[in-house]
Amino acid sequence: MRTLFITLFLTCSIPVFSETFKGTVNDSAGGAIPGTLIVVHWDSSGSTVGLSSNVGIKDDLFLKTDTNGSFAIELPPGFYDVFVSIRAFTPVCRKVRIKAGKEFVYNPRLNVDPLVTAELGFKIVGR
């Protein structure tokens, strides 16, 4: 009599939800800034000690704003450092917390950099 052994592997996975992280980058007068670089870096704080809601991403993401200065991306829950920069403006950086079930809107406002204006004066015509 032959015995047939069947191994059944059950995979149990925890669903990872992604939430929308979006916004618009404006200058100090409220004008949209197209082509702005946005870097999204995951901060793994707490993820190694049981904070299961800090899933994050493994690699940094690099985005550019569209012609209206807007951006949007889907991110898993977690803490993120967001760096925003474009030529002639002072860059900004902020930590954000993306939570499951909640869209996060970030609308950074950039100021023309005083170092650049000191060197170039009013020669900054275009972006």
C-alpha atoms as a PDB file:
ATOM      1  CA  MET A   1       0.000   0.000   0.000  1.00  0.00           C
ATOM      2  CA  ARG A   2       1.351   3.339  -0.944  1.00  0.00           C
ATOM      3  CA  THR A   3       0.977   6.324   1.257  1.00  0.00           C
ATOM      4  CA  LEU A   4       0.571   9.666  -0.369  1.00  0.00           C
ATOM      5  CA  PHE A   5       1.712  12.649   1.605  1.00  0.00           C
ATOM      6  CA  ILE A   6       0.338  15.974   0.620  1.00  0.00           C
ATOM      7  CA  THR A   7       1.759  19.056   2.141  1.00  0.00           C
ATOM      8  CA  LEU A   8      -0.568  21.967   2.212  1.00  0.00           C
ATOM      9  CA  PHE A   9       0.916  25.363   2.635  1.00  0.00           C
ATOM     10  CA  LEU A  10      -1.386  28.043   3.808  1.00  0.00           C
ATOM     11  CA  THR A  11      -0.233  31.541   3.438  1.00  0.00           C
ATOM     12  CA  CYS A  12      -1.541  33.958   5.881  1.00  0.00           C
ATOM     13  CA  SER A  13      -0.896  37.497   4.889  1.00  0.00           C
ATOM     14  CA  ILE A  14      -1.691  40.746   6.529  1.00  0.00           C
ATOM     15  CA  PRO A  15      -3.204  43.154   4.038  1.00  0.00           C
ATOM     16  CA  VAL A  16      -1.195  46.299   3.483  1.00  0.00           C
ATOM     17  CA  PHE A  17      -3.381  49.242   2.644  1.00  0.00           C
ATOM     18  CA  SER A  18      -2.204  52.246   0.714  1.00  0.00           C
ATOM     19  CA  GLU A  19      -3.527  55.709   1.281  1.00  0.00           C
ATOM     20  CA  THR A  20      -3.369  58.797  -0.872  1.00  0.00           C
ATOM     21  CA  PHE A  21      -0.705  61.362  -0.040  1.00  0.00           C
ATOM     22  CA  LYS A  22      -1.287  64.477  -2.101  1.00  0.00           C
ATOM     23  CA  GLY A  23      -0.932  68.207  -2.208  1.00  0.00           C
ATOM     24  CA  THR A  24       0.058  71.306  -4.124  1.00  0.00           C
ATOM     25  CA  VAL A  25       3.329  73.223  -3.862  1.00  0.00           C
ATOM     26  CA  ASN A  26       2.901  77.005  -3.947  1.00  0.00           C
ATOM     27  CA  ASP A  27       5.154  80.019  -3.671  1.00  0.00           C
ATOM     28  CA  SER A  28       4.732  82.639  -0.942  1.00  0.00           C
ATOM     29  CA  ALA A  29       2.193  84.530  -3.088  1.00  0.00           C
ATOM     30  CA  GLY A  30       0.083  81.397  -3.593  1.00  0.00           C
ATOM     31  CA  GLY A  31       1.187  80.625  -7.138  1.00  0.00           C
ATOM     32  CA  ALA A  32       1.620  76.977  -8.102  1.00  0.00           C
ATOM     33  CA  ILE A  33       5.200  75.773  -8.661  1.00  0.00           C
ATOM     34  CA  PRO A  34       5.368  73.131 -11.416  1.00  0.00           C
ATOM     35  CA  GLY A  35       8.342  70.771 -11.645  1.00  0.00           C
ATOM     36  CA  THR A  36       9.115  70.814  -7.917  1.00  0.00           C
ATOM     37  CA  LEU A  37      11.110  67.809  -6.689  1.00  0.00           C
ATOM     38  CA  ILE A  38       9.525  65.862  -3.838  1.00  0.00           C
ATOM     39  CA  VAL A  39      11.504  63.136  -2.075  1.00  0.00           C
ATOM     40  CA  VAL A  40       9.623  60.711   0.181  1.00  0.00           C
ATOM     41  CA  HIS A  41      11.757  58.748   2.673  1.00  0.00           C
ATOM     42  CA  TRP A  42      10.333  56.174   5.103  1.00  0.00           C
ATOM     43  CA  ASP A  43      11.198  56.647   8.796  1.00  0.00           C
ATOM     44  CA  SER A  44      11.122  53.148  10.293  1.00  0.00           C
ATOM     45  CA  SER A  45      10.742  54.398  13.881  1.00  0.00           C
ATOM     46  CA  GLY A  46       8.900  51.850  15.943  1.00  0.00           C
ATOM     47  CA  SER A  47       8.534  49.262  13.178  1.00  0.00           C
ATOM     48  CA  THR A  48      11.179  46.981  14.715  1.00  0.00           C
ATOM     49  CA  VAL A  49       9.584  47.041  18.154  1.00  0.00           C
ATOM     50  CA  GLY A  50       6.035  46.138  17.259  1.00  0.00           C
ATOM     51  CA  LEU A  51       4.466  49.249  15.739  1.00  0.00           C
ATOM     52  CA  SER A  52       2.664  47.282  13.047  1.00  0.00           C
ATOM     53  CA  SER A  53       1.040  50.384  11.579  1.00  0.00           C
ATOM     54  CA  ASN A  54       4.418  51.694  10.331  1.00  0.00           C
ATOM     55  CA  VAL A  55       4.710  49.589   7.189  1.00  0.00           C
ATOM     56  CA  GLY A  56       6.502  52.092   4.975  1.00  0.00           C
ATOM     57  CA  ILE A  57       8.454  51.659   1.760  1.00  0.00           C
ATOM     58  CA  LYS A  58      11.926  50.224   1.238  1.00  0.00           C
ATOM     59  CA  ASP A  59      13.231  52.709  -1.330  1.00  0.00           C
ATOM     60  CA  ASP A  60      12.958  56.475  -1.438  1.00  0.00           C
ATOM     61  CA  LEU A  61      10.471  57.887  -3.924  1.00  0.00           C
ATOM     62  CA  PHE A  62      11.195  60.850  -6.186  1.00  0.00           C
ATOM     63  CA  LEU A  63       8.266  62.813  -7.603  1.00  0.00           C
ATOM     64  CA  LYS A  64       7.804  66.026  -9.576  1.00  0.00           C
ATOM     65  CA  THR A  65       4.789  68.282  -9.359  1.00  0.00           C
ATOM     66  CA  ASP A  66       2.629  68.628 -12.470  1.00  0.00           C
ATOM     67  CA  THR A  67       1.898  71.863 -14.345  1.00  0.00           C
ATOM     68  CA  ASN A  68      -0.531  72.883 -11.570  1.00  0.00           C
ATOM     69  CA  GLY A  69       2.061  72.298  -8.828  1.00  0.00           C
ATOM     70  CA  SER A  70       0.162  69.202  -7.666  1.00  0.00           C
ATOM     71  CA  PHE A  71       1.334  65.728  -6.727  1.00  0.00           C
ATOM     72  CA  ALA A  72      -0.342  62.518  -5.567  1.00  0.00           C
ATOM     73  CA  ILE A  73       0.951  59.076  -4.644  1.00  0.00           C
ATOM     74  CA  GLU A  74      -0.306  55.992  -2.833  1.00  0.00           C
ATOM     75  CA  LEU A  75       1.716  55.106   0.279  1.00  0.00           C
ATOM     76  CA  PRO A  76       1.339  52.392   2.904  1.00  0.00           C
ATOM     77  CA  PRO A  77       0.815  53.555   6.494  1.00  0.00           C
ATOM     78  CA  GLY A  78       3.911  54.884   8.198  1.00  0.00           C
ATOM     79  CA  PHE A  79       6.090  57.817   9.139  1.00  0.00           C
ATOM     80  CA  TYR A  80       7.740  59.645   6.242  1.00  0.00           C
ATOM     81  CA  ASP A  81      10.200  62.495   5.805  1.00  0.00           C
ATOM     82  CA  VAL A  82       9.117  64.646   2.876  1.00  0.00           C
ATOM     83  CA  PHE A  83      11.677  66.943   1.246  1.00  0.00           C
ATOM     84  CA  VAL A  84      10.475  69.606  -1.221  1.00  0.00           C
ATOM     85  CA  SER A  85      12.898  71.583  -3.409  1.00  0.00           C
ATOM     86  CA  ILE A  86      13.176  73.590  -6.617  1.00  0.00           C
ATOM     87  CA  ARG A  87      15.775  76.054  -7.880  1.00  0.00           C
ATOM     88  CA  ALA A  88      15.747  79.571  -6.385  1.00  0.00           C
ATOM     89  CA  PHE A  89      13.502  78.568  -3.442  1.00  0.00           C
ATOM     90  CA  THR A  90      14.414  77.549   0.098  1.00  0.00           C
ATOM     91  CA  PRO A  91      13.714  73.814   0.434  1.00  0.00           C
ATOM     92  CA  VAL A  92      11.382  72.508   3.136  1.00  0.00           C
ATOM     93  CA  CYS A  93      11.272  69.194   4.963  1.00  0.00           C
ATOM     94  CA  ARG A  94       8.512  67.788   7.140  1.00  0.00           C
ATOM     95  CA  LYS A  95       7.703  64.522   8.840  1.00  0.00           C
ATOM     96  CA  VAL A  96       4.238  63.185   7.991  1.00  0.00           C
ATOM     97  CA  ARG A  97       2.219  60.261   9.327  1.00  0.00           C
ATOM     98  CA  ILE A  98       0.118  58.286   6.868  1.00  0.00           C
ATOM     99  CA  LYS A  99      -2.626  56.309   8.635  1.00  0.00           C
ATOM    100  CA  ALA A 100      -4.795  53.523   7.268  1.00  0.00           C
ATOM    101  CA  GLY A 101      -8.133  54.783   6.043  1.00  0.00           C
ATOM    102  CA  LYS A 102      -7.086  58.449   5.967  1.00  0.00           C
ATOM    103  CA  GLU A 103      -5.973  60.551   3.038  1.00  0.00           C
ATOM    104  CA  PHE A 104      -3.139  62.953   3.890  1.00  0.00           C
ATOM    105  CA  VAL A 105      -2.929  66.379   2.264  1.00  0.00           C
ATOM    106  CA  TYR A 106       0.291  68.397   2.438  1.00  0.00           C
ATOM    107  CA  ASN A 107       0.463  71.818   0.773  1.00  0.00           C
ATOM    108  CA  PRO A 108       3.964  73.229   1.292  1.00  0.00           C
ATOM    109  CA  ARG A 109       4.600  76.906   0.625  1.00  0.00           C
ATOM    110  CA  LEU A 110       8.087  77.793  -0.587  1.00  0.00           C
ATOM    111  CA  ASN A 111       9.822  81.142  -0.216  1.00  0.00           C
ATOM    112  CA  VAL A 112      12.346  82.552  -2.657  1.00  0.00           C
ATOM    113  CA  ASP A 113      15.740  81.895  -1.106  1.00  0.00           C
ATOM    114  CA  PRO A 114      17.435  85.029   0.289  1.00  0.00           C
ATOM    115  CA  LEU A 115      20.892  83.773  -0.678  1.00  0.00           C
ATOM    116  CA  VAL A 116      19.800  83.433  -4.293  1.00  0.00           C
ATOM    117  CA  THR A 117      18.119  86.847  -4.373  1.00  0.00           C
ATOM    118  CA  ALA A 118      21.196  88.443  -2.753  1.00  0.00           C
ATOM    119  CA  GLU A 119      23.348  87.076  -5.559  1.00  0.00           C
ATOM    120  CA  LEU A 120      20.922  87.531  -8.455  1.00  0.00           C
ATOM    121  CA  GLY A 121      18.690  90.337  -7.269  1.00  0.00           C
ATOM    122  CA  PHE A 122      15.606  90.641  -9.420  1.00  0.00           C
ATOM    123  CA  LYS A 123      17.121  88.667 -12.307  1.00  0.00           C
ATOM    124  CA  ILE A 124      14.938  85.674 -11.361  1.00  0.00           C
ATOM    125  CA  VAL A 125      12.342  85.869 -14.081  1.00  0.00           C
ATOM    126  CA  GLY A 126      11.329  82.277 -14.763  1.00  0.00           C
ATOM    127  CA  ARG A 127      11.445  79.023 -12.960  1.00  0.00           C
END
